[in-house]
PDB file of N, CA and C in Angstrom:
ATOM      1  N   UNK A   1      39.145  10.888  79.657  1.00  0.00           N
ATOM      2  CA  UNK A   1      38.611  10.738  81.002  1.00  0.00           C
ATOM      3  C   UNK A   1      39.728  10.970  82.021  1.00  0.00           C
ATOM      4  N   UNK A   2      39.345  11.503  83.141  1.00  0.00           N
ATOM      5  CA  UNK A   2      40.302  11.806  84.196  1.00  0.00           C
ATOM      6  C   UNK A   2      40.546  10.573  85.068  1.00  0.00           C
ATOM      7  N   UNK A   3      41.812  10.287  85.321  1.00  0.00           N
ATOM      8  CA  UNK A   3      42.190   9.164  86.180  1.00  0.00           C
ATOM      9  C   UNK A   3      41.961   9.562  87.639  1.00  0.00           C
ATOM     10  N   UNK A   4      41.283   8.707  88.404  1.00  0.00           N
ATOM     11  CA  UNK A   4      41.026   8.937  89.826  1.00  0.00           C
ATOM     12  C   UNK A   4      42.028   8.190  90.703  1.00  0.00           C
ATOM     13  N   UNK A   5      42.402   6.965  90.258  1.00  0.00           N
ATOM     14  CA  UNK A   5      43.272   6.120  91.061  1.00  0.00           C
ATOM     15  C   UNK A   5      44.105   5.238  90.141  1.00  0.00           C
ATOM     16  N   UNK A   6      45.359   5.021  90.528  1.00  0.00           N
ATOM     17  CA  UNK A   6      46.228   4.111  89.792  1.00  0.00           C
ATOM     18  C   UNK A   6      46.824   3.129  90.797  1.00  0.00           C
ATOM     19  N   UNK A   7      46.843   1.867  90.426  1.00  0.00           N
ATOM     20  CA  UNK A   7      47.444   0.822  91.253  1.00  0.00           C
ATOM     21  C   UNK A   7      48.568   0.192  90.455  1.00  0.00           C
ATOM     22  N   UNK A   8      49.743   0.117  91.054  1.00  0.00           N
ATOM     23  CA  UNK A   8      50.937  -0.401  90.396  1.00  0.00           C
ATOM     24  C   UNK A   8      51.341  -1.691  91.088  1.00  0.00           C
ATOM     25  N   UNK A   9      51.449  -2.782  90.336  1.00  0.00           N
ATOM     26  CA  UNK A   9      51.884  -4.045  90.905  1.00  0.00           C
ATOM     27  C   UNK A   9      51.196  -5.218  90.250  1.00  0.00           C
ATOM     28  N   UNK A  10      51.824  -6.381  90.363  1.00  0.00           N
ATOM     29  CA  UNK A  10      51.320  -7.566  89.672  1.00  0.00           C
ATOM     30  C   UNK A  10      50.108  -8.188  90.355  1.00  0.00           C
ATOM     31  N   UNK A  11      49.952  -8.012  91.662  1.00  0.00           N
ATOM     32  CA  UNK A  11      48.817  -8.579  92.388  1.00  0.00           C
ATOM     33  C   UNK A  11      47.999  -7.429  92.968  1.00  0.00           C
ATOM     34  N   UNK A  12      46.911  -7.102  92.303  1.00  0.00           N
ATOM     35  CA  UNK A  12      46.101  -5.931  92.659  1.00  0.00           C
ATOM     36  C   UNK A  12      45.649  -5.939  94.116  1.00  0.00           C
ATOM     37  N   UNK A  13      45.238  -7.078  94.635  1.00  0.00           N
ATOM     38  CA  UNK A  13      44.672  -7.139  95.983  1.00  0.00           C
ATOM     39  C   UNK A  13      45.696  -7.061  97.101  1.00  0.00           C
ATOM     40  N   UNK A  14      46.875  -7.656  96.921  1.00  0.00           N
ATOM     41  CA  UNK A  14      47.778  -7.746  98.068  1.00  0.00           C
ATOM     42  C   UNK A  14      49.155  -7.119  97.857  1.00  0.00           C
ATOM     43  N   UNK A  15      49.509  -6.817  96.629  1.00  0.00           N
ATOM     44  CA  UNK A  15      50.897  -6.411  96.401  1.00  0.00           C
ATOM     45  C   UNK A  15      51.041  -5.092  95.649  1.00  0.00           C
ATOM     46  N   UNK A  16      49.960  -4.374  95.413  1.00  0.00           N
ATOM     47  CA  UNK A  16      50.080  -3.171  94.593  1.00  0.00           C
ATOM     48  C   UNK A  16      50.189  -1.914  95.456  1.00  0.00           C
ATOM     49  N   UNK A  17      50.838  -0.904  94.874  1.00  0.00           N
ATOM     50  CA  UNK A  17      50.899   0.428  95.484  1.00  0.00           C
ATOM     51  C   UNK A  17      49.766   1.232  94.859  1.00  0.00           C
ATOM     52  N   UNK A  18      48.994   1.926  95.693  1.00  0.00           N
ATOM     53  CA  UNK A  18      47.838   2.672  95.225  1.00  0.00           C
ATOM     54  C   UNK A  18      48.054   4.171  95.410  1.00  0.00           C
ATOM     55  N   UNK A  19      47.695   4.922  94.383  1.00  0.00           N
ATOM     56  CA  UNK A  19      47.800   6.372  94.406  1.00  0.00           C
ATOM     57  C   UNK A  19      46.463   6.939  93.954  1.00  0.00           C
ATOM     58  N   UNK A  20      45.855   7.807  94.790  1.00  0.00           N
ATOM     59  CA  UNK A  20      44.528   8.342  94.528  1.00  0.00           C
ATOM     60  C   UNK A  20      44.568   9.863  94.592  1.00  0.00           C
ATOM     61  N   UNK A  21      43.826  10.515  93.697  1.00  0.00           N
ATOM     62  CA  UNK A  21      43.716  11.968  93.722  1.00  0.00           C
ATOM     63  C   UNK A  21      43.234  12.401  95.107  1.00  0.00           C
ATOM     64  N   UNK A  22      43.897  13.388  95.692  1.00  0.00           N
ATOM     65  CA  UNK A  22      43.541  13.885  97.022  1.00  0.00           C
ATOM     66  C   UNK A  22      44.258  13.181  98.162  1.00  0.00           C
ATOM     67  N   UNK A  23      44.955  12.095  97.875  1.00  0.00           N
ATOM     68  CA  UNK A  23      45.683  11.343  98.905  1.00  0.00           C
ATOM     69  C   UNK A  23      46.887  12.149  99.375  1.00  0.00           C
ATOM     70  N   UNK A  24      47.142  12.131 100.665  1.00  0.00           N
ATOM     71  CA  UNK A  24      48.296  12.825 101.240  1.00  0.00           C
ATOM     72  C   UNK A  24      49.572  12.026 100.982  1.00  0.00           C
ATOM     73  N   UNK A  25      50.686  12.741 100.813  1.00  0.00           N
ATOM     74  CA  UNK A  25      51.999  12.130 100.594  1.00  0.00           C
ATOM     75  C   UNK A  25      53.038  12.913 101.369  1.00  0.00           C
ATOM     76  N   UNK A  26      54.200  12.325 101.577  1.00  0.00           N
ATOM     77  CA  UNK A  26      55.302  12.984 102.285  1.00  0.00           C
ATOM     78  C   UNK A  26      54.859  13.512 103.651  1.00  0.00           C
ATOM     79  N   UNK A  27      54.330  12.629 104.488  1.00  0.00           N
ATOM     80  CA  UNK A  27      53.876  12.981 105.834  1.00  0.00           C
ATOM     81  C   UNK A  27      52.842  14.096 105.836  1.00  0.00           C
ATOM     82  N   UNK A  28      51.991  14.121 104.835  1.00  0.00           N
ATOM     83  CA  UNK A  28      50.921  15.110 104.768  1.00  0.00           C
ATOM     84  C   UNK A  28      51.323  16.464 104.228  1.00  0.00           C
ATOM     85  N   UNK A  29      52.566  16.620 103.801  1.00  0.00           N
ATOM     86  CA  UNK A  29      53.034  17.914 103.294  1.00  0.00           C
ATOM     87  C   UNK A  29      52.589  18.165 101.853  1.00  0.00           C
ATOM     88  N   UNK A  30      52.254  17.105 101.132  1.00  0.00           N
ATOM     89  CA  UNK A  30      51.822  17.207  99.739  1.00  0.00           C
ATOM     90  C   UNK A  30      50.551  16.395  99.551  1.00  0.00           C
ATOM     91  N   UNK A  31      49.817  16.726  98.498  1.00  0.00           N
ATOM     92  CA  UNK A  31      48.600  16.016  98.127  1.00  0.00           C
ATOM     93  C   UNK A  31      48.718  15.609  96.665  1.00  0.00           C
ATOM     94  N   UNK A  32      48.275  14.394  96.340  1.00  0.00           N
ATOM     95  CA  UNK A  32      48.292  13.978  94.943  1.00  0.00           C
ATOM     96  C   UNK A  32      47.288  14.839  94.187  1.00  0.00           C
ATOM     97  N   UNK A  33      47.797  15.550  93.206  1.00  0.00           N
ATOM     98  CA  UNK A  33      47.019  16.559  92.476  1.00  0.00           C
ATOM     99  C   UNK A  33      46.458  16.034  91.156  1.00  0.00           C
ATOM    100  N   UNK A  34      47.268  15.254  90.427  1.00  0.00           N
ATOM    101  CA  UNK A  34      46.878  14.823  89.093  1.00  0.00           C
ATOM    102  C   UNK A  34      47.586  13.526  88.743  1.00  0.00           C
ATOM    103  N   UNK A  35      46.857  12.632  88.080  1.00  0.00           N
ATOM    104  CA  UNK A  35      47.430  11.417  87.504  1.00  0.00           C
ATOM    105  C   UNK A  35      47.081  11.465  86.024  1.00  0.00           C
ATOM    106  N   UNK A  36      48.096  11.472  85.170  1.00  0.00           N
ATOM    107  CA  UNK A  36      47.813  11.573  83.741  1.00  0.00           C
ATOM    108  C   UNK A  36      48.569  10.533  82.946  1.00  0.00           C
ATOM    109  N   UNK A  37      47.952  10.105  81.850  1.00  0.00           N
ATOM    110  CA  UNK A  37      48.611   9.189  80.926  1.00  0.00           C
ATOM    111  C   UNK A  37      49.358  10.034  79.909  1.00  0.00           C
ATOM    112  N   UNK A  38      50.636   9.761  79.744  1.00  0.00           N
ATOM    113  CA  UNK A  38      51.466  10.486  78.790  1.00  0.00           C
ATOM    114  C   UNK A  38      51.730   9.593  77.589  1.00  0.00           C
ATOM    115  N   UNK A  39      51.174   9.970  76.449  1.00  0.00           N
ATOM    116  CA  UNK A  39      51.364   9.199  75.225  1.00  0.00           C
ATOM    117  C   UNK A  39      52.806   9.326  74.747  1.00  0.00           C
ATOM    118  N   UNK A  40      53.378  10.522  74.871  1.00  0.00           N
ATOM    119  CA  UNK A  40      54.750  10.735  74.398  1.00  0.00           C
ATOM    120  C   UNK A  40      55.772   9.993  75.240  1.00  0.00           C
ATOM    121  N   UNK A  41      55.551   9.934  76.560  1.00  0.00           N
ATOM    122  CA  UNK A  41      56.477   9.222  77.449  1.00  0.00           C
ATOM    123  C   UNK A  41      56.119   7.759  77.601  1.00  0.00           C
ATOM    124  N   UNK A  42      54.946   7.380  77.110  1.00  0.00           N
ATOM    125  CA  UNK A  42      54.449   6.008  77.194  1.00  0.00           C
ATOM    126  C   UNK A  42      54.360   5.512  78.633  1.00  0.00           C
ATOM    127  N   UNK A  43      53.629   6.255  79.456  1.00  0.00           N
ATOM    128  CA  UNK A  43      53.447   5.868  80.837  1.00  0.00           C
ATOM    129  C   UNK A  43      52.520   6.811  81.575  1.00  0.00           C
ATOM    130  N   UNK A  44      52.505   6.699  82.889  1.00  0.00           N
ATOM    131  CA  UNK A  44      51.648   7.514  83.742  1.00  0.00           C
ATOM    132  C   UNK A  44      52.499   8.399  84.638  1.00  0.00           C
ATOM    133  N   UNK A  45      52.085   9.667  84.763  1.00  0.00           N
ATOM    134  CA  UNK A  45      52.769  10.635  85.610  1.00  0.00           C
ATOM    135  C   UNK A  45      51.869  10.994  86.778  1.00  0.00           C
ATOM    136  N   UNK A  46      52.479  11.085  87.970  1.00  0.00           N
ATOM    137  CA  UNK A  46      51.750  11.484  89.168  1.00  0.00           C
ATOM    138  C   UNK A  46      52.333  12.806  89.655  1.00  0.00           C
ATOM    139  N   UNK A  47      51.457  13.798  89.786  1.00  0.00           N
ATOM    140  CA  UNK A  47      51.859  15.124  90.241  1.00  0.00           C
ATOM    141  C   UNK A  47      51.337  15.360  91.652  1.00  0.00           C
ATOM    142  N   UNK A  48      52.134  16.055  92.480  1.00  0.00           N
ATOM    143  CA  UNK A  48      51.721  16.419  93.831  1.00  0.00           C
ATOM    144  C   UNK A  48      51.676  17.934  93.945  1.00  0.00           C
ATOM    145  N   UNK A  49      50.889  18.407  94.921  1.00  0.00           N
ATOM    146  CA  UNK A  49      50.732  19.840  95.172  1.00  0.00           C
ATOM    147  C   UNK A  49      51.059  20.126  96.631  1.00  0.00           C
ATOM    148  N   UNK A  50      51.764  21.231  96.877  1.00  0.00           N
ATOM    149  CA  UNK A  50      52.075  21.605  98.262  1.00  0.00           C
ATOM    150  C   UNK A  50      51.078  22.648  98.760  1.00  0.00           C
ATOM    151  N   UNK A  51      51.279  23.142  99.981  1.00  0.00           N
ATOM    152  CA  UNK A  51      50.358  24.113 100.588  1.00  0.00           C
ATOM    153  C   UNK A  51      50.352  25.452  99.858  1.00  0.00           C
ATOM    154  N   UNK A  52      51.394  25.740  99.095  1.00  0.00           N
ATOM    155  CA  UNK A  52      51.473  26.989  98.333  1.00  0.00           C
ATOM    156  C   UNK A  52      50.868  26.851  96.941  1.00  0.00           C
ATOM    157  N   UNK A  53      50.172  25.737  96.697  1.00  0.00           N
ATOM    158  CA  UNK A  53      49.521  25.432  95.419  1.00  0.00           C
ATOM    159  C   UNK A  53      50.521  25.284  94.272  1.00  0.00           C
ATOM    160  N   UNK A  54      51.756  24.882  94.600  1.00  0.00           N
ATOM    161  CA  UNK A  54      52.760  24.585  93.580  1.00  0.00           C
ATOM    162  C   UNK A  54      52.662  23.107  93.250  1.00  0.00           C
ATOM    163  N   UNK A  55      52.684  22.783  91.965  1.00  0.00           N
ATOM    164  CA  UNK A  55      52.522  21.407  91.508  1.00  0.00           C
ATOM    165  C   UNK A  55      53.852  20.896  90.964  1.00  0.00           C
ATOM    166  N   UNK A  56      54.213  19.672  91.363  1.00  0.00           N
ATOM    167  CA  UNK A  56      55.475  19.064  90.974  1.00  0.00           C
ATOM    168  C   UNK A  56      55.241  17.645  90.465  1.00  0.00           C
ATOM    169  N   UNK A  57      56.020  17.241  89.458  1.00  0.00           N
ATOM    170  CA  UNK A  57      56.006  15.851  89.019  1.00  0.00           C
ATOM    171  C   UNK A  57      56.681  15.021  90.099  1.00  0.00           C
ATOM    172  N   UNK A  58      56.004  13.981  90.581  1.00  0.00           N
ATOM    173  CA  UNK A  58      56.525  13.166  91.664  1.00  0.00           C
ATOM    174  C   UNK A  58      56.988  11.803  91.179  1.00  0.00           C
ATOM    175  N   UNK A  59      56.151  11.114  90.395  1.00  0.00           N
ATOM    176  CA  UNK A  59      56.478   9.754  89.973  1.00  0.00           C
ATOM    177  C   UNK A  59      56.108   9.548  88.516  1.00  0.00           C
ATOM    178  N   UNK A  60      56.814   8.595  87.898  1.00  0.00           N
ATOM    179  CA  UNK A  60      56.497   8.172  86.536  1.00  0.00           C
ATOM    180  C   UNK A  60      56.557   6.659  86.487  1.00  0.00           C
ATOM    181  N   UNK A  61      55.528   6.051  85.904  1.00  0.00           N
ATOM    182  CA  UNK A  61      55.483   4.605  85.718  1.00  0.00           C
ATOM    183  C   UNK A  61      55.288   4.339  84.236  1.00  0.00           C
ATOM    184  N   UNK A  62      56.175   3.533  83.640  1.00  0.00           N
ATOM    185  CA  UNK A  62      56.031   3.266  82.210  1.00  0.00           C
ATOM    186  C   UNK A  62      54.949   2.223  81.963  1.00  0.00           C
ATOM    187  N   UNK A  63      54.501   2.175  80.716  1.00  0.00           N
ATOM    188  CA  UNK A  63      53.402   1.280  80.347  1.00  0.00           C
ATOM    189  C   UNK A  63      53.766  -0.200  80.426  1.00  0.00           C
ATOM    190  N   UNK A  64      55.028  -0.536  80.622  1.00  0.00           N
ATOM    191  CA  UNK A  64      55.446  -1.939  80.716  1.00  0.00           C
ATOM    192  C   UNK A  64      55.160  -2.546  82.081  1.00  0.00           C
ATOM    193  N   UNK A  65      54.840  -1.703  83.064  1.00  0.00           N
ATOM    194  CA  UNK A  65      54.549  -2.193  84.414  1.00  0.00           C
ATOM    195  C   UNK A  65      53.090  -2.625  84.497  1.00  0.00           C
ATOM    196  N   UNK A  66      52.775  -3.591  85.382  1.00  0.00           N
ATOM    197  CA  UNK A  66      51.369  -3.950  85.578  1.00  0.00           C
ATOM    198  C   UNK A  66      50.639  -2.804  86.283  1.00  0.00           C
ATOM    199  N   UNK A  67      49.656  -2.229  85.598  1.00  0.00           N
ATOM    200  CA  UNK A  67      48.945  -1.049  86.096  1.00  0.00           C
ATOM    201  C   UNK A  67      47.445  -1.275  85.987  1.00  0.00           C
ATOM    202  N   UNK A  68      46.724  -0.875  87.029  1.00  0.00           N
ATOM    203  CA  UNK A  68      45.272  -0.881  87.012  1.00  0.00           C
ATOM    204  C   UNK A  68      44.807   0.560  87.210  1.00  0.00           C
ATOM    205  N   UNK A  69      43.854   0.990  86.391  1.00  0.00           N
ATOM    206  CA  UNK A  69      43.389   2.375  86.407  1.00  0.00           C
ATOM    207  C   UNK A  69      41.923   2.436  86.801  1.00  0.00           C
ATOM    208  N   UNK A  70      41.584   3.409  87.662  1.00  0.00           N
ATOM    209  CA  UNK A  70      40.187   3.744  87.933  1.00  0.00           C
ATOM    210  C   UNK A  70      39.969   5.163  87.439  1.00  0.00           C
ATOM    211  N   UNK A  71      38.908   5.363  86.675  1.00  0.00           N
ATOM    212  CA  UNK A  71      38.604   6.678  86.139  1.00  0.00           C
ATOM    213  C   UNK A  71      37.541   7.362  86.977  1.00  0.00           C
ATOM    214  N   UNK A  72      37.526   8.692  86.924  1.00  0.00           N
ATOM    215  CA  UNK A  72      36.509   9.469  87.578  1.00  0.00           C
ATOM    216  C   UNK A  72      35.213   9.334  86.791  1.00  0.00           C
ATOM    217  N   UNK A  73      34.160   8.920  87.443  1.00  0.00           N
ATOM    218  CA  UNK A  73      32.873   8.777  86.778  1.00  0.00           C
ATOM    219  C   UNK A  73      31.866   9.652  87.529  1.00  0.00           C
ATOM    220  N   UNK A  74      31.347  10.634  86.836  1.00  0.00           N
ATOM    221  CA  UNK A  74      30.345  11.529  87.430  1.00  0.00           C
ATOM    222  C   UNK A  74      28.983  11.206  86.821  1.00  0.00           C
ATOM    223  N   UNK A  75      28.035  10.841  87.679  1.00  0.00           N
ATOM    224  CA  UNK A  75      26.697  10.526  87.194  1.00  0.00           C
ATOM    225  C   UNK A  75      25.790  11.712  87.387  1.00  0.00           C
TER     226      UNK A  75
END
C-alpha cells in the first residue's frame, strides 16, 4: 500500500512533524513526491520533487523512532 502521510514524534496530536504527499517544502520550491518504507534500511524515506520533475531523497527516519502512518485508501 502507498503511504499518504507520515507523522514523526512521540505525541501525535501536539508534538509530531507531519509529512504528506503533495505538501510543499523549502518555501514552495519542492513538493513531497513519495514516502516509502525501506526494508533494507529499516526505516522510511521521504522524496521531494522540484519544478523540473527531478526527484531527490530528502529525509530518512529509522524504525526506532515513534512513527504513525496513514495509507492511501481508494474506494
